[in-house]
C-alpha atoms as a PDB file:
ATOM      1  CA  GLY A   1     189.942  74.642  33.064  1.00  0.00           C
ATOM      2  CA  SER A   2     187.161  74.707  35.607  1.00  0.00           C
ATOM      3  CA  GLU A   3     189.496  73.489  38.391  1.00  0.00           C
ATOM      4  CA  TRP A   4     191.671  76.586  37.921  1.00  0.00           C
ATOM      5  CA  ILE A   5     188.628  78.874  38.011  1.00  0.00           C
ATOM      6  CA  TRP A   6     187.442  77.100  41.185  1.00  0.00           C
ATOM      7  CA  TYR A   7     190.866  77.574  42.789  1.00  0.00           C
ATOM      8  CA  LYS A   8     191.088  81.272  41.827  1.00  0.00           C
ATOM      9  CA  LEU A   9     187.593  82.060  43.133  1.00  0.00           C
ATOM     10  CA  LYS A  10     188.239  80.189  46.411  1.00  0.00           C
ATOM     11  CA  SER A  11     191.602  81.925  46.873  1.00  0.00           C
ATOM     12  CA  ARG A  12     189.856  85.305  46.456  1.00  0.00           C
ATOM     13  CA  LYS A  13     187.360  84.272  49.145  1.00  0.00           C
ATOM     14  CA  LYS A  14     184.464  84.259  46.672  1.00  0.00           C
ATOM     15  CA  PRO A  15     181.540  81.997  47.574  1.00  0.00           C
ATOM     16  CA  VAL A  16     181.880  78.818  45.531  1.00  0.00           C
ATOM     17  CA  ILE A  17     179.447  75.886  45.552  1.00  0.00           C
ATOM     18  CA  CYS A  18     180.024  72.497  43.957  1.00  0.00           C
ATOM     19  CA  ILE A  19     176.747  71.510  42.324  1.00  0.00           C
ATOM     20  CA  ASP A  20     177.812  67.981  41.374  1.00  0.00           C
ATOM     21  CA  ASN A  21     175.999  66.052  44.091  1.00  0.00           C
ATOM     22  CA  ARG A  22     176.234  62.541  42.635  1.00  0.00           C
ATOM     23  CA  ILE A  23     178.661  61.134  45.213  1.00  0.00           C
ATOM     24  CA  GLU A  24     176.900  62.993  48.029  1.00  0.00           C
ATOM     25  CA  VAL A  25     173.637  61.152  47.275  1.00  0.00           C
ATOM     26  CA  GLY A  26     175.352  57.763  46.999  1.00  0.00           C
ATOM     27  CA  LEU A  27     175.868  57.377  43.261  1.00  0.00           C
ATOM     28  CA  LEU A  28     179.069  56.485  41.427  1.00  0.00           C
ATOM     29  CA  SER A  29     182.275  58.510  41.441  1.00  0.00           C
ATOM     30  CA  SER A  30     183.919  59.281  38.110  1.00  0.00           C
ATOM     31  CA  ILE A  31     186.593  56.666  38.898  1.00  0.00           C
ATOM     32  CA  GLU A  32     183.898  54.009  39.404  1.00  0.00           C
ATOM     33  CA  GLU A  33     182.111  55.112  36.220  1.00  0.00           C
ATOM     34  CA  ARG A  34     185.313  54.859  34.169  1.00  0.00           C
ATOM     35  CA  PHE A  35     186.099  51.417  35.616  1.00  0.00           C
ATOM     36  CA  LEU A  36     182.610  50.076  34.917  1.00  0.00           C
ATOM     37  CA  LEU A  37     182.595  51.384  31.351  1.00  0.00           C
ATOM     38  CA  SER A  38     186.112  50.248  30.530  1.00  0.00           C
ATOM     39  CA  THR A  39     186.224  46.802  32.110  1.00  0.00           C
ATOM     40  CA  GLU A  40     186.232  43.970  29.608  1.00  0.00           C
ATOM     41  CA  ASP A  41     187.451  41.266  31.956  1.00  0.00           C
ATOM     42  CA  PRO A  42     185.048  38.320  32.450  1.00  0.00           C
ATOM     43  CA  ASN A  43     186.360  38.093  36.025  1.00  0.00           C
ATOM     44  CA  ASP A  44     184.749  41.482  36.748  1.00  0.00           C
ATOM     45  CA  ILE A  45     181.185  40.309  36.008  1.00  0.00           C
ATOM     46  CA  SER A  46     180.218  39.904  39.671  1.00  0.00           C
ATOM     47  CA  THR A  47     181.691  43.301  40.575  1.00  0.00           C
ATOM     48  CA  VAL A  48     179.849  44.967  37.696  1.00  0.00           C
ATOM     49  CA  MET A  49     176.567  43.329  38.687  1.00  0.00           C
ATOM     50  CA  MET A  50     177.054  44.395  42.307  1.00  0.00           C
ATOM     51  CA  TYR A  51     177.527  48.031  41.207  1.00  0.00           C
ATOM     52  CA  ALA A  52     174.537  47.846  38.856  1.00  0.00           C
ATOM     53  CA  LEU A  53     172.240  46.585  41.626  1.00  0.00           C
ATOM     54  CA  LYS A  54     173.621  49.043  44.197  1.00  0.00           C
ATOM     55  CA  VAL A  55     173.051  51.999  41.903  1.00  0.00           C
ATOM     56  CA  LEU A  56     169.634  50.765  40.765  1.00  0.00           C
ATOM     57  CA  LYS A  57     168.538  50.477  44.402  1.00  0.00           C
ATOM     58  CA  LYS A  58     169.779  54.003  45.105  1.00  0.00           C
ATOM     59  CA  LEU A  59     168.142  55.454  41.980  1.00  0.00           C
ATOM     60  CA  GLU A  60     164.829  53.867  42.995  1.00  0.00           C
ATOM     61  CA  SER A  61     164.983  55.219  46.562  1.00  0.00           C
ATOM     62  CA  ASP A  62     162.380  57.740  47.681  1.00  0.00           C
ATOM     63  CA  SER A  63     165.062  60.393  48.249  1.00  0.00           C
ATOM     64  CA  ILE A  64     166.173  60.184  44.587  1.00  0.00           C
ATOM     65  CA  LYS A  65     162.602  59.932  43.257  1.00  0.00           C
ATOM     66  CA  ASN A  66     161.790  63.143  45.134  1.00  0.00           C
ATOM     67  CA  VAL A  67     164.637  64.961  43.367  1.00  0.00           C
ATOM     68  CA  PHE A  68     162.914  64.305  40.040  1.00  0.00           C
ATOM     69  CA  ASN A  69     159.555  65.688  41.254  1.00  0.00           C
ATOM     70  CA  ILE A  70     160.634  69.146  40.108  1.00  0.00           C
ATOM     71  CA  SER A  71     158.265  69.008  37.095  1.00  0.00           C
ATOM     72  CA  ARG A  72     155.959  66.556  35.338  1.00  0.00           C
ATOM     73  CA  GLN A  73     158.251  66.466  32.294  1.00  0.00           C
ATOM     74  CA  VAL A  74     161.291  65.634  34.433  1.00  0.00           C
ATOM     75  CA  GLN A  75     159.303  62.952  36.316  1.00  0.00           C
ATOM     76  CA  THR A  76     158.401  61.368  32.971  1.00  0.00           C
ATOM     77  CA  VAL A  77     162.032  61.316  31.817  1.00  0.00           C
ATOM     78  CA  TYR A  78     163.059  59.738  35.142  1.00  0.00           C
ATOM     79  CA  GLY A  79     160.278  57.119  35.001  1.00  0.00           C
ATOM     80  CA  GLU A  80     161.035  56.099  31.424  1.00  0.00           C
ATOM     81  CA  SER A  81     164.784  56.013  32.095  1.00  0.00           C
ATOM     82  CA  MET A  82     164.323  53.785  35.125  1.00  0.00           C
ATOM     83  CA  LYS A  83     162.158  51.339  33.128  1.00  0.00           C
ATOM     84  CA  ILE A  84     164.929  51.043  30.543  1.00  0.00           C
ATOM     85  CA  ILE A  85     167.683  50.615  33.144  1.00  0.00           C
ATOM     86  CA  ARG A  86     165.710  47.904  35.000  1.00  0.00           C
ATOM     87  CA  LYS A  87     165.057  46.059  31.723  1.00  0.00           C
ATOM     88  CA  GLN A  88     168.735  46.237  30.772  1.00  0.00           C
ATOM     89  CA  ILE A  89     169.908  44.964  34.163  1.00  0.00           C
ATOM     90  CA  LYS A  90     167.418  42.097  33.883  1.00  0.00           C
ATOM     91  CA  SER A  91     168.910  41.303  30.460  1.00  0.00           C
ATOM     92  CA  LEU A  92     172.381  41.167  32.018  1.00  0.00           C
ATOM     93  CA  TYR A  93     171.139  38.600  34.531  1.00  0.00           C
ATOM     94  CA  GLU A  94     169.384  36.559  31.838  1.00  0.00           C
ATOM     95  CA  LEU A  95     172.640  36.382  29.873  1.00  0.00           C
ATOM     96  CA  LEU A  96     174.432  35.073  32.969  1.00  0.00           C
ATOM     97  CA  LYS A  97     171.880  32.251  33.303  1.00  0.00           C
ATOM     98  CA  HIS A  98     172.121  31.105  29.669  1.00  0.00           C
ATOM     99  CA  PRO A  99     172.651  27.297  29.554  1.00  0.00           C
ATOM    100  CA  ASP A 100     175.380  27.605  26.897  1.00  0.00           C
ATOM    101  CA  GLY A 101     177.320  30.111  28.991  1.00  0.00           C
ATOM    102  CA  VAL A 102     177.632  33.862  28.808  1.00  0.00           C
ATOM    103  CA  ASP A 103     177.846  35.545  25.406  1.00  0.00           C
ATOM    104  CA  PHE A 104     180.435  37.963  26.746  1.00  0.00           C
ATOM    105  CA  ASP A 105     180.328  40.321  23.742  1.00  0.00           C
ATOM    106  CA  GLU A 106     176.577  40.777  24.124  1.00  0.00           C
ATOM    107  CA  TRP A 107     176.991  41.134  27.889  1.00  0.00           C
ATOM    108  CA  LEU A 108     179.579  43.917  27.376  1.00  0.00           C
ATOM    109  CA  ILE A 109     177.267  45.827  25.034  1.00  0.00           C
ATOM    110  CA  ILE A 110     174.358  45.699  27.482  1.00  0.00           C
ATOM    111  CA  LYS A 111     176.651  46.489  30.439  1.00  0.00           C
ATOM    112  CA  ASN A 112     177.848  49.626  28.664  1.00  0.00           C
ATOM    113  CA  LEU A 113     174.260  50.641  27.895  1.00  0.00           C
ATOM    114  CA  VAL A 114     173.310  50.172  31.559  1.00  0.00           C
ATOM    115  CA  PHE A 115     176.122  52.332  32.885  1.00  0.00           C
ATOM    116  CA  ASN A 116     175.789  54.981  30.196  1.00  0.00           C
ATOM    117  CA  ASN A 117     172.096  55.285  31.096  1.00  0.00           C
ATOM    118  CA  ILE A 118     172.874  55.362  34.818  1.00  0.00           C
ATOM    119  CA  MET A 119     175.412  58.119  34.159  1.00  0.00           C
ATOM    120  CA  LYS A 120     172.838  60.095  32.147  1.00  0.00           C
ATOM    121  CA  ILE A 121     170.177  59.973  34.861  1.00  0.00           C
ATOM    122  CA  ALA A 122     172.806  60.864  37.498  1.00  0.00           C
ATOM    123  CA  SER A 123     173.945  63.747  35.307  1.00  0.00           C
ATOM    124  CA  PHE A 124     170.333  64.929  35.066  1.00  0.00           C
ATOM    125  CA  MET A 125     170.311  65.061  38.881  1.00  0.00           C
ATOM    126  CA  VAL A 126     173.170  67.553  38.668  1.00  0.00           C
ATOM    127  CA  ASP A 127     171.040  69.730  36.365  1.00  0.00           C
ATOM    128  CA  ILE A 128     168.247  69.678  38.932  1.00  0.00           C
ATOM    129  CA  ASN A 129     170.739  70.612  41.644  1.00  0.00           C
ATOM    130  CA  ILE A 130     171.879  73.559  39.488  1.00  0.00           C
ATOM    131  CA  VAL A 131     168.278  74.746  39.165  1.00  0.00           C
ATOM    132  CA  ASN A 132     167.620  74.374  42.890  1.00  0.00           C
ATOM    133  CA  THR A 133     170.858  76.188  43.768  1.00  0.00           C
ATOM    134  CA  ILE A 134     169.989  79.092  41.472  1.00  0.00           C
ATOM    135  CA  LYS A 135     166.480  79.318  42.923  1.00  0.00           C
ATOM    136  CA  GLU A 136     167.899  79.319  46.455  1.00  0.00           C
ATOM    137  CA  ASN A 137     170.379  82.078  45.535  1.00  0.00           C
ATOM    138  CA  LYS A 138     168.257  84.189  43.182  1.00  0.00           C
ATOM    139  CA  GLU A 139     169.085  87.359  45.124  1.00  0.00           C
ATOM    140  CA  THR A 140     172.748  86.928  44.217  1.00  0.00           C
ATOM    141  CA  LYS A 141     173.752  89.300  41.419  1.00  0.00           C
ATOM    142  CA  ASP A 142     176.248  87.069  39.600  1.00  0.00           C
ATOM    143  CA  ILE A 143     176.279  83.298  39.425  1.00  0.00           C
ATOM    144  CA  LEU A 144     178.754  81.381  37.278  1.00  0.00           C
ATOM    145  CA  VAL A 145     177.866  77.815  36.384  1.00  0.00           C
ATOM    146  CA  PHE A 146     180.496  75.730  34.608  1.00  0.00           C
ATOM    147  CA  VAL A 147     179.082  72.686  32.835  1.00  0.00           C
ATOM    148  CA  GLY A 148     179.467  70.748  29.627  1.00  0.00           C
ATOM    149  CA  ALA A 149     177.267  70.996  26.570  1.00  0.00           C
ATOM    150  CA  ALA A 150     174.926  68.171  27.665  1.00  0.00           C
ATOM    151  CA  HIS A 151     174.097  70.004  30.894  1.00  0.00           C
ATOM    152  CA  ALA A 152     173.598  73.286  29.028  1.00  0.00           C
ATOM    153  CA  TYR A 153     171.223  71.614  26.586  1.00  0.00           C
ATOM    154  CA  ARG A 154     169.142  69.915  29.297  1.00  0.00           C
ATOM    155  CA  LEU A 155     168.997  73.038  31.451  1.00  0.00           C
ATOM    156  CA  HIS A 156     167.592  75.002  28.532  1.00  0.00           C
ATOM    157  CA  LYS A 157     165.222  72.227  27.423  1.00  0.00           C
ATOM    158  CA  TYR A 158     163.756  71.187  30.780  1.00  0.00           C
ATOM    159  CA  PHE A 159     163.976  74.455  32.727  1.00  0.00           C
ATOM    160  CA  PRO A 160     163.121  77.214  30.240  1.00  0.00           C
ATOM    161  CA  ASP A 161     161.557  79.331  32.999  1.00  0.00           C
ATOM    162  CA  ILE A 162     165.071  79.878  34.374  1.00  0.00           C
ATOM    163  CA  PHE A 163     167.182  79.375  31.257  1.00  0.00           C
ATOM    164  CA  ASN A 164     164.958  81.089  28.711  1.00  0.00           C
ATOM    165  CA  LYS A 165     167.251  83.688  27.186  1.00  0.00           C
ATOM    166  CA  ILE A 166     170.388  82.246  25.679  1.00  0.00           C
ATOM    167  CA  GLU A 167     172.950  84.353  23.914  1.00  0.00           C
ATOM    168  CA  TYR A 168     175.715  82.407  22.182  1.00  0.00           C
ATOM    169  CA  LYS A 169     179.061  84.110  22.667  1.00  0.00           C
ATOM    170  CA  GLY A 170     181.072  81.520  20.772  1.00  0.00           C
ATOM    171  CA  PRO A 171     181.401  77.777  20.448  1.00  0.00           C
ATOM    172  CA  ALA A 172     182.480  77.257  24.048  1.00  0.00           C
ATOM    173  CA  ASP A 173     180.137  79.369  26.121  1.00  0.00           C
ATOM    174  CA  LEU A 174     176.558  80.404  26.608  1.00  0.00           C
ATOM    175  CA  ILE A 175     175.373  83.342  28.623  1.00  0.00           C
ATOM    176  CA  ILE A 176     171.984  82.862  30.170  1.00  0.00           C
ATOM    177  CA  LYS A 177     170.206  85.800  31.776  1.00  0.00           C
ATOM    178  CA  GLU A 178     167.314  85.485  34.175  1.00  0.00           C
ATOM    179  CA  TYR A 179     166.517  86.795  37.666  1.00  0.00           C
ATOM    180  CA  ASN A 180     168.838  89.687  36.764  1.00  0.00           C
ATOM    181  CA  LEU A 181     171.679  87.184  36.945  1.00  0.00           C
ATOM    182  CA  ASP A 182     174.476  86.457  34.553  1.00  0.00           C
ATOM    183  CA  VAL A 183     174.879  82.698  34.392  1.00  0.00           C
ATOM    184  CA  MET A 184     177.723  81.518  32.196  1.00  0.00           C
ATOM    185  CA  ILE A 185     177.773  77.928  31.095  1.00  0.00           C
ATOM    186  CA  VAL A 186     181.094  76.888  29.670  1.00  0.00           C
ATOM    187  CA  ASP A 187     181.535  73.800  27.557  1.00  0.00           C
ATOM    188  CA  LYS A 188     184.804  72.018  28.388  1.00  0.00           C
END
């Protein structure tokens, strides 16, 4: 997969950039995401809440808000997403305070919504990093970008000025041409 392509390009001394900046900016690693989505142990409630608050604080920081200032449409998506995430985290806390105890099934459903939404907004940050990286390297003749279908969709939807010509070459790849570049987006 993409790891093999990364290895081959690095071994041939080709310039390779990792555009997934989620950990770099202080968001969750994939291991943390998997844990938070899979945990169904009532003993993990305090850990889950700690992660939710930590990530919410980071997502609301000025440095992250500035990332989403790339366009008015992207700012709107960020603003609406953050309202939903805050409301969901508040609901998690309200469930913990219920006088009859925690309805753990309801808590699990909301917890999964919270972390799925956090993962989506963090994933959108990767899309923005892709756009910024391409803009910074627009003089480069060939750029290969390996992402999943969700990234490919958002890149085309929110950044049509860069990703405006899409030619489908099959179910697993898209070739996008702009700036005289060939940008291949491969769906895993």
